[in-house]
PDB file of all heavy atoms in Angstrom:
ATOM      1  N   SER A   1     -12.577  30.924 -10.967  1.00  0.00           N
ATOM      2  CA  SER A   1     -11.511  31.891 -11.247  1.00  0.00           C
ATOM      3  C   SER A   1     -11.075  32.597  -9.976  1.00  0.00           C
ATOM      4  O   SER A   1      -9.883  32.824  -9.746  1.00  0.00           O
ATOM      5  CB  SER A   1     -11.977  32.896 -12.293  1.00  0.00           C
ATOM      6  OG  SER A   1     -10.992  33.853 -12.560  1.00  0.00           O
ATOM      7  N   ALA A   2     -12.044  32.937  -9.138  1.00  0.00           N
ATOM      8  CA  ALA A   2     -11.745  33.607  -7.855  1.00  0.00           C
ATOM      9  C   ALA A   2     -10.913  32.707  -6.945  1.00  0.00           C
ATOM     10  O   ALA A   2      -9.924  33.152  -6.345  1.00  0.00           O
ATOM     11  CB  ALA A   2     -13.048  33.996  -7.150  1.00  0.00           C
ATOM     12  N   LEU A   3     -11.297  31.445  -6.862  1.00  0.00           N
ATOM     13  CA  LEU A   3     -10.566  30.492  -6.027  1.00  0.00           C
ATOM     14  C   LEU A   3      -9.124  30.313  -6.530  1.00  0.00           C
ATOM     15  O   LEU A   3      -8.184  30.289  -5.725  1.00  0.00           O
ATOM     16  CB  LEU A   3     -11.278  29.137  -6.012  1.00  0.00           C
ATOM     17  CG  LEU A   3     -12.637  29.089  -5.318  1.00  0.00           C
ATOM     18  CD1 LEU A   3     -13.298  27.733  -5.524  1.00  0.00           C
ATOM     19  CD2 LEU A   3     -12.514  29.385  -3.824  1.00  0.00           C
ATOM     20  N   HIS A   4      -8.980  30.211  -7.838  1.00  0.00           N
ATOM     21  CA  HIS A   4      -7.637  30.055  -8.417  1.00  0.00           C
ATOM     22  C   HIS A   4      -6.779  31.282  -8.115  1.00  0.00           C
ATOM     23  O   HIS A   4      -5.591  31.147  -7.777  1.00  0.00           O
ATOM     24  CB  HIS A   4      -7.762  29.857  -9.924  1.00  0.00           C
ATOM     25  CG  HIS A   4      -6.415  29.757 -10.614  1.00  0.00           C
ATOM     26  ND1 HIS A   4      -5.609  28.634 -10.486  1.00  0.00           N
ATOM     27  CD2 HIS A   4      -5.746  30.653 -11.389  1.00  0.00           C
ATOM     28  CE1 HIS A   4      -4.487  28.847 -11.169  1.00  0.00           C
ATOM     29  NE2 HIS A   4      -4.544  30.052 -11.733  1.00  0.00           N
ATOM     30  N   TYR A   5      -7.383  32.456  -8.226  1.00  0.00           N
ATOM     31  CA  TYR A   5      -6.627  33.688  -7.969  1.00  0.00           C
ATOM     32  C   TYR A   5      -6.158  33.743  -6.510  1.00  0.00           C
ATOM     33  O   TYR A   5      -5.002  34.062  -6.226  1.00  0.00           O
ATOM     34  CB  TYR A   5      -7.508  34.912  -8.266  1.00  0.00           C
ATOM     35  CG  TYR A   5      -6.745  36.210  -8.125  1.00  0.00           C
ATOM     36  CD1 TYR A   5      -5.960  36.699  -9.172  1.00  0.00           C
ATOM     37  CD2 TYR A   5      -6.804  36.969  -6.942  1.00  0.00           C
ATOM     38  CE1 TYR A   5      -5.246  37.879  -9.036  1.00  0.00           C
ATOM     39  CE2 TYR A   5      -6.098  38.155  -6.803  1.00  0.00           C
ATOM     40  CZ  TYR A   5      -5.316  38.603  -7.859  1.00  0.00           C
ATOM     41  OH  TYR A   5      -4.617  39.763  -7.731  1.00  0.00           O
ATOM     42  N   ILE A   6      -7.056  33.378  -5.587  1.00  0.00           N
ATOM     43  CA  ILE A   6      -6.677  33.373  -4.161  1.00  0.00           C
ATOM     44  C   ILE A   6      -5.533  32.375  -3.926  1.00  0.00           C
ATOM     45  O   ILE A   6      -4.532  32.696  -3.291  1.00  0.00           O
ATOM     46  CB  ILE A   6      -7.890  32.991  -3.280  1.00  0.00           C
ATOM     47  CG1 ILE A   6      -8.944  34.091  -3.329  1.00  0.00           C
ATOM     48  CG2 ILE A   6      -7.447  32.757  -1.823  1.00  0.00           C
ATOM     49  CD1 ILE A   6     -10.283  33.694  -2.718  1.00  0.00           C
ATOM     50  N   ASP A   7      -5.703  31.149  -4.454  1.00  0.00           N
ATOM     51  CA  ASP A   7      -4.721  30.100  -4.220  1.00  0.00           C
ATOM     52  C   ASP A   7      -3.324  30.445  -4.737  1.00  0.00           C
ATOM     53  O   ASP A   7      -2.333  29.986  -4.193  1.00  0.00           O
ATOM     54  CB  ASP A   7      -5.192  28.789  -4.873  1.00  0.00           C
ATOM     55  CG  ASP A   7      -6.462  28.244  -4.263  1.00  0.00           C
ATOM     56  OD1 ASP A   7      -6.882  28.762  -3.199  1.00  0.00           O
ATOM     57  OD2 ASP A   7      -7.057  27.317  -4.850  1.00  0.00           O
ATOM     58  N   THR A   8      -3.255  31.239  -5.794  1.00  0.00           N
ATOM     59  CA  THR A   8      -1.966  31.585  -6.406  1.00  0.00           C
ATOM     60  C   THR A   8      -1.421  32.934  -5.936  1.00  0.00           C
ATOM     61  O   THR A   8      -0.361  33.374  -6.403  1.00  0.00           O
ATOM     62  CB  THR A   8      -2.069  31.569  -7.936  1.00  0.00           C
ATOM     63  OG1 THR A   8      -3.150  32.415  -8.349  1.00  0.00           O
ATOM     64  CG2 THR A   8      -2.319  30.152  -8.445  1.00  0.00           C
ATOM     65  N   HIS A   9      -2.143  33.610  -5.024  1.00  0.00           N
ATOM     66  CA  HIS A   9      -1.683  34.904  -4.511  1.00  0.00           C
ATOM     67  C   HIS A   9      -1.727  34.963  -2.972  1.00  0.00           C
ATOM     68  O   HIS A   9      -1.869  36.040  -2.396  1.00  0.00           O
ATOM     69  CB  HIS A   9      -2.541  36.049  -5.079  1.00  0.00           C
ATOM     70  CG  HIS A   9      -2.328  36.242  -6.562  1.00  0.00           C
ATOM     71  ND1 HIS A   9      -2.926  35.425  -7.500  1.00  0.00           N
ATOM     72  CD2 HIS A   9      -1.599  37.172  -7.260  1.00  0.00           C
ATOM     73  CE1 HIS A   9      -2.576  35.837  -8.720  1.00  0.00           C
ATOM     74  NE2 HIS A   9      -1.770  36.883  -8.603  1.00  0.00           N
ATOM     75  N   LEU A  10      -1.611  33.807  -2.332  1.00  0.00           N
ATOM     76  CA  LEU A  10      -1.753  33.745  -0.865  1.00  0.00           C
ATOM     77  C   LEU A  10      -0.739  34.601  -0.122  1.00  0.00           C
ATOM     78  O   LEU A  10      -1.023  35.131   0.946  1.00  0.00           O
ATOM     79  CB  LEU A  10      -1.638  32.290  -0.387  1.00  0.00           C
ATOM     80  CG  LEU A  10      -2.861  31.389  -0.608  1.00  0.00           C
ATOM     81  CD1 LEU A  10      -2.527  29.967  -0.182  1.00  0.00           C
ATOM     82  CD2 LEU A  10      -4.079  31.915   0.122  1.00  0.00           C
ATOM     83  N   GLU A  11       0.484  34.720  -0.677  1.00  0.00           N
ATOM     84  CA  GLU A  11       1.530  35.474   0.027  1.00  0.00           C
ATOM     85  C   GLU A  11       1.347  36.966  -0.102  1.00  0.00           C
ATOM     86  O   GLU A  11       2.039  37.752   0.566  1.00  0.00           O
ATOM     87  CB  GLU A  11       2.927  35.065  -0.480  1.00  0.00           C
ATOM     88  CG  GLU A  11       3.279  35.537  -1.860  1.00  0.00           C
ATOM     89  CD  GLU A  11       2.636  34.743  -3.000  1.00  0.00           C
ATOM     90  OE1 GLU A  11       1.852  33.800  -2.708  1.00  0.00           O
ATOM     91  OE2 GLU A  11       2.911  35.057  -4.165  1.00  0.00           O
ATOM     92  N   GLU A  12       0.385  37.383  -0.928  1.00  0.00           N
ATOM     93  CA  GLU A  12       0.127  38.812  -1.130  1.00  0.00           C
ATOM     94  C   GLU A  12      -1.019  39.283  -0.240  1.00  0.00           C
ATOM     95  O   GLU A  12      -1.757  38.476   0.328  1.00  0.00           O
ATOM     96  CB  GLU A  12      -0.196  39.094  -2.605  1.00  0.00           C
ATOM     97  CG  GLU A  12       0.947  38.693  -3.553  1.00  0.00           C
ATOM     98  CD  GLU A  12       0.549  38.740  -4.999  1.00  0.00           C
ATOM     99  OE1 GLU A  12      -0.467  39.419  -5.323  1.00  0.00           O
ATOM    100  OE2 GLU A  12       1.224  38.104  -5.816  1.00  0.00           O
ATOM    101  N   GLU A  13      -1.204  40.589  -0.172  1.00  0.00           N
ATOM    102  CA  GLU A  13      -2.322  41.124   0.591  1.00  0.00           C
ATOM    103  C   GLU A  13      -3.572  41.021  -0.250  1.00  0.00           C
ATOM    104  O   GLU A  13      -3.724  41.684  -1.276  1.00  0.00           O
ATOM    105  CB  GLU A  13      -2.053  42.590   0.963  1.00  0.00           C
ATOM    106  CG  GLU A  13      -3.073  43.135   1.949  1.00  0.00           C
ATOM    107  CD  GLU A  13      -2.701  44.504   2.462  1.00  0.00           C
ATOM    108  OE1 GLU A  13      -1.523  44.888   2.366  1.00  0.00           O
ATOM    109  OE2 GLU A  13      -3.598  45.189   2.973  1.00  0.00           O
ATOM    110  N   LEU A  14      -4.480  40.146   0.152  1.00  0.00           N
ATOM    111  CA  LEU A  14      -5.698  39.913  -0.636  1.00  0.00           C
ATOM    112  C   LEU A  14      -6.890  40.658  -0.048  1.00  0.00           C
ATOM    113  O   LEU A  14      -7.117  40.605   1.170  1.00  0.00           O
ATOM    114  CB  LEU A  14      -6.010  38.414  -0.646  1.00  0.00           C
ATOM    115  CG  LEU A  14      -5.098  37.519  -1.507  1.00  0.00           C
ATOM    116  CD1 LEU A  14      -5.290  36.058  -1.133  1.00  0.00           C
ATOM    117  CD2 LEU A  14      -5.387  37.728  -2.985  1.00  0.00           C
ATOM    118  N   THR A  15      -7.632  41.323  -0.903  1.00  0.00           N
ATOM    119  CA  THR A  15      -8.866  41.985  -0.457  1.00  0.00           C
ATOM    120  C   THR A  15      -9.991  41.581  -1.359  1.00  0.00           C
ATOM    121  O   THR A  15      -9.784  41.238  -2.538  1.00  0.00           O
ATOM    122  CB  THR A  15      -8.713  43.531  -0.484  1.00  0.00           C
ATOM    123  OG1 THR A  15      -8.567  43.945  -1.851  1.00  0.00           O
ATOM    124  CG2 THR A  15      -7.538  43.994   0.351  1.00  0.00           C
ATOM    125  N   LEU A  16     -11.200  41.619  -0.830  1.00  0.00           N
ATOM    126  CA  LEU A  16     -12.378  41.294  -1.635  1.00  0.00           C
ATOM    127  C   LEU A  16     -12.521  42.249  -2.793  1.00  0.00           C
ATOM    128  O   LEU A  16     -12.879  41.863  -3.904  1.00  0.00           O
ATOM    129  CB  LEU A  16     -13.622  41.345  -0.736  1.00  0.00           C
ATOM    130  CG  LEU A  16     -14.945  40.915  -1.381  1.00  0.00           C
ATOM    131  CD1 LEU A  16     -14.886  39.439  -1.781  1.00  0.00           C
ATOM    132  CD2 LEU A  16     -16.110  41.165  -0.444  1.00  0.00           C
ATOM    133  N   LYS A  17     -12.199  43.519  -2.569  1.00  0.00           N
ATOM    134  CA  LYS A  17     -12.288  44.548  -3.625  1.00  0.00           C
ATOM    135  C   LYS A  17     -11.348  44.217  -4.788  1.00  0.00           C
ATOM    136  O   LYS A  17     -11.734  44.275  -5.955  1.00  0.00           O
ATOM    137  CB  LYS A  17     -11.955  45.906  -3.027  1.00  0.00           C
ATOM    138  CG  LYS A  17     -12.099  47.085  -3.994  1.00  0.00           C
ATOM    139  CD  LYS A  17     -11.878  48.397  -3.262  1.00  0.00           C
ATOM    140  CE  LYS A  17     -12.046  49.589  -4.196  1.00  0.00           C
ATOM    141  NZ  LYS A  17     -10.972  49.662  -5.203  1.00  0.00           N
ATOM    142  N   GLU A  18     -10.127  43.862  -4.433  1.00  0.00           N
ATOM    143  CA  GLU A  18      -9.140  43.513  -5.467  1.00  0.00           C
ATOM    144  C   GLU A  18      -9.572  42.278  -6.254  1.00  0.00           C
ATOM    145  O   GLU A  18      -9.470  42.243  -7.484  1.00  0.00           O
ATOM    146  CB  GLU A  18      -7.791  43.253  -4.788  1.00  0.00           C
ATOM    147  CG  GLU A  18      -6.686  42.830  -5.740  1.00  0.00           C
ATOM    148  CD  GLU A  18      -5.470  42.260  -5.014  1.00  0.00           C
ATOM    149  OE1 GLU A  18      -5.415  42.350  -3.771  1.00  0.00           O
ATOM    150  OE2 GLU A  18      -4.590  41.732  -5.691  1.00  0.00           O
ATOM    151  N   LEU A  19     -10.082  41.274  -5.539  1.00  0.00           N
ATOM    152  CA  LEU A  19     -10.544  40.050  -6.190  1.00  0.00           C
ATOM    153  C   LEU A  19     -11.728  40.353  -7.110  1.00  0.00           C
ATOM    154  O   LEU A  19     -11.791  39.833  -8.231  1.00  0.00           O
ATOM    155  CB  LEU A  19     -10.945  39.010  -5.130  1.00  0.00           C
ATOM    156  CG  LEU A  19     -11.448  37.661  -5.655  1.00  0.00           C
ATOM    157  CD1 LEU A  19     -10.370  36.974  -6.485  1.00  0.00           C
ATOM    158  CD2 LEU A  19     -11.863  36.776  -4.494  1.00  0.00           C
ATOM    159  N   ALA A  20     -12.639  41.170  -6.635  1.00  0.00           N
ATOM    160  CA  ALA A  20     -13.823  41.533  -7.443  1.00  0.00           C
ATOM    161  C   ALA A  20     -13.389  42.224  -8.732  1.00  0.00           C
ATOM    162  O   ALA A  20     -13.939  41.961  -9.810  1.00  0.00           O
ATOM    163  CB  ALA A  20     -14.748  42.429  -6.620  1.00  0.00           C
ATOM    164  N   GLU A  21     -12.411  43.100  -8.621  1.00  0.00           N
ATOM    165  CA  GLU A  21     -11.914  43.795  -9.815  1.00  0.00           C
ATOM    166  C   GLU A  21     -11.299  42.817 -10.797  1.00  0.00           C
ATOM    167  O   GLU A  21     -11.468  42.915 -12.008  1.00  0.00           O
ATOM    168  CB  GLU A  21     -10.866  44.852  -9.420  1.00  0.00           C
ATOM    169  CG  GLU A  21     -11.471  46.091  -8.778  1.00  0.00           C
ATOM    170  CD  GLU A  21     -10.407  47.069  -8.278  1.00  0.00           C
ATOM    171  OE1 GLU A  21      -9.191  46.770  -8.474  1.00  0.00           O
ATOM    172  OE2 GLU A  21     -10.784  48.091  -7.674  1.00  0.00           O
ATOM    173  N   HIS A  22     -10.586  41.827 -10.256  1.00  0.00           N
ATOM    174  CA  HIS A  22      -9.914  40.848 -11.104  1.00  0.00           C
ATOM    175  C   HIS A  22     -10.893  40.009 -11.919  1.00  0.00           C
ATOM    176  O   HIS A  22     -10.616  39.699 -13.076  1.00  0.00           O
ATOM    177  CB  HIS A  22      -9.045  39.918 -10.241  1.00  0.00           C
ATOM    178  CG  HIS A  22      -8.369  38.825 -11.018  1.00  0.00           C
ATOM    179  ND1 HIS A  22      -7.289  39.069 -11.842  1.00  0.00           N
ATOM    180  CD2 HIS A  22      -8.624  37.483 -11.119  1.00  0.00           C
ATOM    181  CE1 HIS A  22      -6.910  37.928 -12.416  1.00  0.00           C
ATOM    182  NE2 HIS A  22      -7.714  36.958 -11.985  1.00  0.00           N
ATOM    183  N   ILE A  23     -12.023  39.657 -11.303  1.00  0.00           N
ATOM    184  CA  ILE A  23     -12.983  38.808 -12.047  1.00  0.00           C
ATOM    185  C   ILE A  23     -14.192  39.626 -12.547  1.00  0.00           C
ATOM    186  O   ILE A  23     -15.193  39.069 -12.977  1.00  0.00           O
ATOM    187  CB  ILE A  23     -13.466  37.611 -11.191  1.00  0.00           C
ATOM    188  CG1 ILE A  23     -14.193  38.088  -9.919  1.00  0.00           C
ATOM    189  CG2 ILE A  23     -12.312  36.714 -10.820  1.00  0.00           C
ATOM    190  CD1 ILE A  23     -14.851  36.951  -9.155  1.00  0.00           C
ATOM    191  N   HIS A  24     -14.071  40.978 -12.461  1.00  0.00           N
ATOM    192  CA  HIS A  24     -15.072  41.880 -13.024  1.00  0.00           C
ATOM    193  C   HIS A  24     -16.456  41.699 -12.433  1.00  0.00           C
ATOM    194  O   HIS A  24     -17.453  41.505 -13.138  1.00  0.00           O
ATOM    195  CB  HIS A  24     -15.141  41.724 -14.548  1.00  0.00           C
ATOM    196  CG  HIS A  24     -13.781  41.772 -15.205  1.00  0.00           C
ATOM    197  ND1 HIS A  24     -12.992  42.912 -15.213  1.00  0.00           N
ATOM    198  CD2 HIS A  24     -13.084  40.817 -15.873  1.00  0.00           C
ATOM    199  CE1 HIS A  24     -11.867  42.650 -15.855  1.00  0.00           C
ATOM    200  NE2 HIS A  24     -11.891  41.369 -16.257  1.00  0.00           N
ATOM    201  N   LEU A  25     -16.514  41.728 -11.097  1.00  0.00           N
ATOM    202  CA  LEU A  25     -17.796  41.674 -10.411  1.00  0.00           C
ATOM    203  C   LEU A  25     -17.843  42.774  -9.344  1.00  0.00           C
ATOM    204  O   LEU A  25     -16.795  43.223  -8.862  1.00  0.00           O
ATOM    205  CB  LEU A  25     -17.988  40.318  -9.708  1.00  0.00           C
ATOM    206  CG  LEU A  25     -18.407  39.100 -10.553  1.00  0.00           C
ATOM    207  CD1 LEU A  25     -18.537  37.899  -9.639  1.00  0.00           C
ATOM    208  CD2 LEU A  25     -19.718  39.352 -11.292  1.00  0.00           C
ATOM    209  N   ASN A  26     -19.055  43.142  -8.958  1.00  0.00           N
ATOM    210  CA  ASN A  26     -19.236  44.074  -7.854  1.00  0.00           C
ATOM    211  C   ASN A  26     -18.841  43.362  -6.554  1.00  0.00           C
ATOM    212  O   ASN A  26     -19.245  42.200  -6.330  1.00  0.00           O
ATOM    213  CB  ASN A  26     -20.722  44.475  -7.822  1.00  0.00           C
ATOM    214  CG  ASN A  26     -21.051  45.312  -6.617  1.00  0.00           C
ATOM    215  OD1 ASN A  26     -21.258  44.759  -5.536  1.00  0.00           O
ATOM    216  ND2 ASN A  26     -21.088  46.607  -6.779  1.00  0.00           N
ATOM    217  N   PRO A  27     -18.048  44.004  -5.670  1.00  0.00           N
ATOM    218  CA  PRO A  27     -17.600  43.339  -4.423  1.00  0.00           C
ATOM    219  C   PRO A  27     -18.733  42.764  -3.584  1.00  0.00           C
ATOM    220  O   PRO A  27     -18.606  41.659  -3.056  1.00  0.00           O
ATOM    221  CB  PRO A  27     -16.867  44.458  -3.677  1.00  0.00           C
ATOM    222  CG  PRO A  27     -16.402  45.393  -4.740  1.00  0.00           C
ATOM    223  CD  PRO A  27     -17.465  45.355  -5.799  1.00  0.00           C
ATOM    224  N   SER A  28     -19.819  43.501  -3.442  1.00  0.00           N
ATOM    225  CA  SER A  28     -20.944  43.028  -2.630  1.00  0.00           C
ATOM    226  C   SER A  28     -21.552  41.779  -3.235  1.00  0.00           C
ATOM    227  O   SER A  28     -21.880  40.813  -2.534  1.00  0.00           O
ATOM    228  CB  SER A  28     -22.006  44.114  -2.483  1.00  0.00           C
ATOM    229  OG  SER A  28     -21.479  45.228  -1.826  1.00  0.00           O
ATOM    230  N   TYR A  29     -21.705  41.808  -4.555  1.00  0.00           N
ATOM    231  CA  TYR A  29     -22.305  40.642  -5.241  1.00  0.00           C
ATOM    232  C   TYR A  29     -21.351  39.444  -5.159  1.00  0.00           C
ATOM    233  O   TYR A  29     -21.797  38.311  -4.910  1.00  0.00           O
ATOM    234  CB  TYR A  29     -22.573  40.990  -6.713  1.00  0.00           C
ATOM    235  CG  TYR A  29     -23.157  39.841  -7.484  1.00  0.00           C
ATOM    236  CD1 TYR A  29     -24.356  39.240  -7.085  1.00  0.00           C
ATOM    237  CD2 TYR A  29     -22.517  39.336  -8.607  1.00  0.00           C
ATOM    238  CE1 TYR A  29     -24.904  38.177  -7.790  1.00  0.00           C
ATOM    239  CE2 TYR A  29     -23.038  38.260  -9.313  1.00  0.00           C
ATOM    240  CZ  TYR A  29     -24.230  37.693  -8.905  1.00  0.00           C
ATOM    241  OH  TYR A  29     -24.769  36.622  -9.582  1.00  0.00           O
ATOM    242  N   LEU A  30     -20.046  39.690  -5.309  1.00  0.00           N
ATOM    243  CA  LEU A  30     -19.059  38.613  -5.197  1.00  0.00           C
ATOM    244  C   LEU A  30     -19.114  37.987  -3.805  1.00  0.00           C
ATOM    245  O   LEU A  30     -19.056  36.772  -3.656  1.00  0.00           O
ATOM    246  CB  LEU A  30     -17.654  39.132  -5.470  1.00  0.00           C
ATOM    247  CG  LEU A  30     -16.511  38.143  -5.189  1.00  0.00           C
ATOM    248  CD1 LEU A  30     -16.655  36.873  -6.037  1.00  0.00           C
ATOM    249  CD2 LEU A  30     -15.162  38.789  -5.452  1.00  0.00           C
ATOM    250  N   SER A  31     -19.250  38.798  -2.782  1.00  0.00           N
ATOM    251  CA  SER A  31     -19.291  38.308  -1.410  1.00  0.00           C
ATOM    252  C   SER A  31     -20.450  37.330  -1.222  1.00  0.00           C
ATOM    253  O   SER A  31     -20.296  36.254  -0.641  1.00  0.00           O
ATOM    254  CB  SER A  31     -19.447  39.493  -0.450  1.00  0.00           C
ATOM    255  OG  SER A  31     -19.528  39.030   0.887  1.00  0.00           O
ATOM    256  N   VAL A  32     -21.600  37.703  -1.736  1.00  0.00           N
ATOM    257  CA  VAL A  32     -22.801  36.853  -1.625  1.00  0.00           C
ATOM    258  C   VAL A  32     -22.633  35.575  -2.447  1.00  0.00           C
ATOM    259  O   VAL A  32     -22.908  34.466  -1.974  1.00  0.00           O
ATOM    260  CB  VAL A  32     -24.069  37.612  -2.098  1.00  0.00           C
ATOM    261  CG1 VAL A  32     -25.273  36.678  -2.154  1.00  0.00           C
ATOM    262  CG2 VAL A  32     -24.366  38.780  -1.170  1.00  0.00           C
ATOM    263  N   LEU A  33     -22.151  35.725  -3.666  1.00  0.00           N
ATOM    264  CA  LEU A  33     -21.953  34.601  -4.566  1.00  0.00           C
ATOM    265  C   LEU A  33     -20.927  33.607  -4.028  1.00  0.00           C
ATOM    266  O   LEU A  33     -21.113  32.384  -4.095  1.00  0.00           O
ATOM    267  CB  LEU A  33     -21.502  35.120  -5.950  1.00  0.00           C
ATOM    268  CG  LEU A  33     -21.725  34.224  -7.158  1.00  0.00           C
ATOM    269  CD1 LEU A  33     -23.209  33.992  -7.383  1.00  0.00           C
ATOM    270  CD2 LEU A  33     -21.108  34.872  -8.401  1.00  0.00           C
ATOM    271  N   PHE A  34     -19.850  34.167  -3.483  1.00  0.00           N
ATOM    272  CA  PHE A  34     -18.768  33.335  -2.922  1.00  0.00           C
ATOM    273  C   PHE A  34     -19.302  32.478  -1.777  1.00  0.00           C
ATOM    274  O   PHE A  34     -19.088  31.244  -1.761  1.00  0.00           O
ATOM    275  CB  PHE A  34     -17.641  34.249  -2.427  1.00  0.00           C
ATOM    276  CG  PHE A  34     -16.327  33.548  -2.194  1.00  0.00           C
ATOM    277  CD1 PHE A  34     -15.347  33.509  -3.167  1.00  0.00           C
ATOM    278  CD2 PHE A  34     -16.085  32.910  -0.972  1.00  0.00           C
ATOM    279  CE1 PHE A  34     -14.141  32.869  -2.943  1.00  0.00           C
ATOM    280  CE2 PHE A  34     -14.881  32.256  -0.746  1.00  0.00           C
ATOM    281  CZ  PHE A  34     -13.899  32.231  -1.732  1.00  0.00           C
ATOM    282  N   LYS A  35     -20.012  33.097  -0.855  1.00  0.00           N
ATOM    283  CA  LYS A  35     -20.565  32.368   0.310  1.00  0.00           C
ATOM    284  C   LYS A  35     -21.579  31.327  -0.149  1.00  0.00           C
ATOM    285  O   LYS A  35     -21.620  30.203   0.392  1.00  0.00           O
ATOM    286  CB  LYS A  35     -21.216  33.375   1.282  1.00  0.00           C
ATOM    287  CG  LYS A  35     -21.769  32.724   2.553  1.00  0.00           C
ATOM    288  CD  LYS A  35     -20.633  32.230   3.427  1.00  0.00           C
ATOM    289  CE  LYS A  35     -21.016  31.693   4.763  1.00  0.00           C
ATOM    290  NZ  LYS A  35     -22.333  31.443   5.167  1.00  0.00           N
ATOM    291  N   GLU A  36     -22.355  31.667  -1.146  1.00  0.00           N
ATOM    292  CA  GLU A  36     -23.402  30.779  -1.646  1.00  0.00           C
ATOM    293  C   GLU A  36     -22.818  29.531  -2.292  1.00  0.00           C
ATOM    294  O   GLU A  36     -23.331  28.425  -2.098  1.00  0.00           O
ATOM    295  CB  GLU A  36     -24.240  31.568  -2.682  1.00  0.00           C
ATOM    296  CG  GLU A  36     -25.476  30.849  -3.175  1.00  0.00           C
ATOM    297  CD  GLU A  36     -26.210  31.721  -4.163  1.00  0.00           C
ATOM    298  OE1 GLU A  36     -27.023  32.571  -3.731  1.00  0.00           O
ATOM    299  OE2 GLU A  36     -25.970  31.587  -5.371  1.00  0.00           O
ATOM    300  N   GLN A  37     -21.729  29.694  -3.042  1.00  0.00           N
ATOM    301  CA  GLN A  37     -21.183  28.553  -3.785  1.00  0.00           C
ATOM    302  C   GLN A  37     -20.036  27.849  -3.083  1.00  0.00           C
ATOM    303  O   GLN A  37     -19.847  26.629  -3.252  1.00  0.00           O
ATOM    304  CB  GLN A  37     -20.696  29.038  -5.172  1.00  0.00           C
ATOM    305  CG  GLN A  37     -21.853  29.508  -6.036  1.00  0.00           C
ATOM    306  CD  GLN A  37     -21.433  29.802  -7.477  1.00  0.00           C
ATOM    307  OE1 GLN A  37     -20.490  29.205  -7.985  1.00  0.00           O
ATOM    308  NE2 GLN A  37     -22.153  30.713  -8.117  1.00  0.00           N
ATOM    309  N   VAL A  38     -19.279  28.552  -2.281  1.00  0.00           N
ATOM    310  CA  VAL A  38     -18.129  27.960  -1.579  1.00  0.00           C
ATOM    311  C   VAL A  38     -18.500  27.505  -0.166  1.00  0.00           C
ATOM    312  O   VAL A  38     -17.846  26.636   0.417  1.00  0.00           O
ATOM    313  CB  VAL A  38     -16.941  28.952  -1.542  1.00  0.00           C
ATOM    314  CG1 VAL A  38     -15.738  28.375  -0.809  1.00  0.00           C
ATOM    315  CG2 VAL A  38     -16.538  29.369  -2.963  1.00  0.00           C
ATOM    316  N   HIS A  39     -19.554  28.086   0.366  1.00  0.00           N
ATOM    317  CA  HIS A  39     -20.017  27.785   1.737  1.00  0.00           C
ATOM    318  C   HIS A  39     -19.010  28.234   2.797  1.00  0.00           C
ATOM    319  O   HIS A  39     -18.976  27.688   3.905  1.00  0.00           O
ATOM    320  CB  HIS A  39     -20.375  26.320   1.908  1.00  0.00           C
ATOM    321  CG  HIS A  39     -21.401  25.836   0.915  1.00  0.00           C
ATOM    322  ND1 HIS A  39     -22.701  26.284   0.920  1.00  0.00           N
ATOM    323  CD2 HIS A  39     -21.298  24.993  -0.136  1.00  0.00           C
ATOM    324  CE1 HIS A  39     -23.374  25.723  -0.079  1.00  0.00           C
ATOM    325  NE2 HIS A  39     -22.545  24.948  -0.728  1.00  0.00           N
ATOM    326  N   LEU A  40     -18.168  29.170   2.443  1.00  0.00           N
ATOM    327  CA  LEU A  40     -17.267  29.871   3.350  1.00  0.00           C
ATOM    328  C   LEU A  40     -17.229  31.318   2.902  1.00  0.00           C
ATOM    329  O   LEU A  40     -17.409  31.603   1.722  1.00  0.00           O
ATOM    330  CB  LEU A  40     -15.834  29.305   3.256  1.00  0.00           C
ATOM    331  CG  LEU A  40     -15.521  27.928   3.845  1.00  0.00           C
ATOM    332  CD1 LEU A  40     -14.115  27.513   3.427  1.00  0.00           C
ATOM    333  CD2 LEU A  40     -15.648  27.922   5.347  1.00  0.00           C
ATOM    334  N   THR A  41     -16.998  32.227   3.847  1.00  0.00           N
ATOM    335  CA  THR A  41     -16.827  33.624   3.416  1.00  0.00           C
ATOM    336  C   THR A  41     -15.463  33.758   2.734  1.00  0.00           C
ATOM    337  O   THR A  41     -14.591  32.896   2.882  1.00  0.00           O
ATOM    338  CB  THR A  41     -16.907  34.600   4.605  1.00  0.00           C
ATOM    339  OG1 THR A  41     -15.771  34.337   5.465  1.00  0.00           O
ATOM    340  CG2 THR A  41     -18.198  34.425   5.381  1.00  0.00           C
TER     341      THR A  41
END
């Protein structure tokens, strides 16, 4: 869901905080989870 949101909002100002709110996760936890599963920050 996070990847889809990024891909469809590239022209907008994207922040980790905003993304975390969108998928209902804590920003710090999302950061760790994202790196762990996507292998990119």
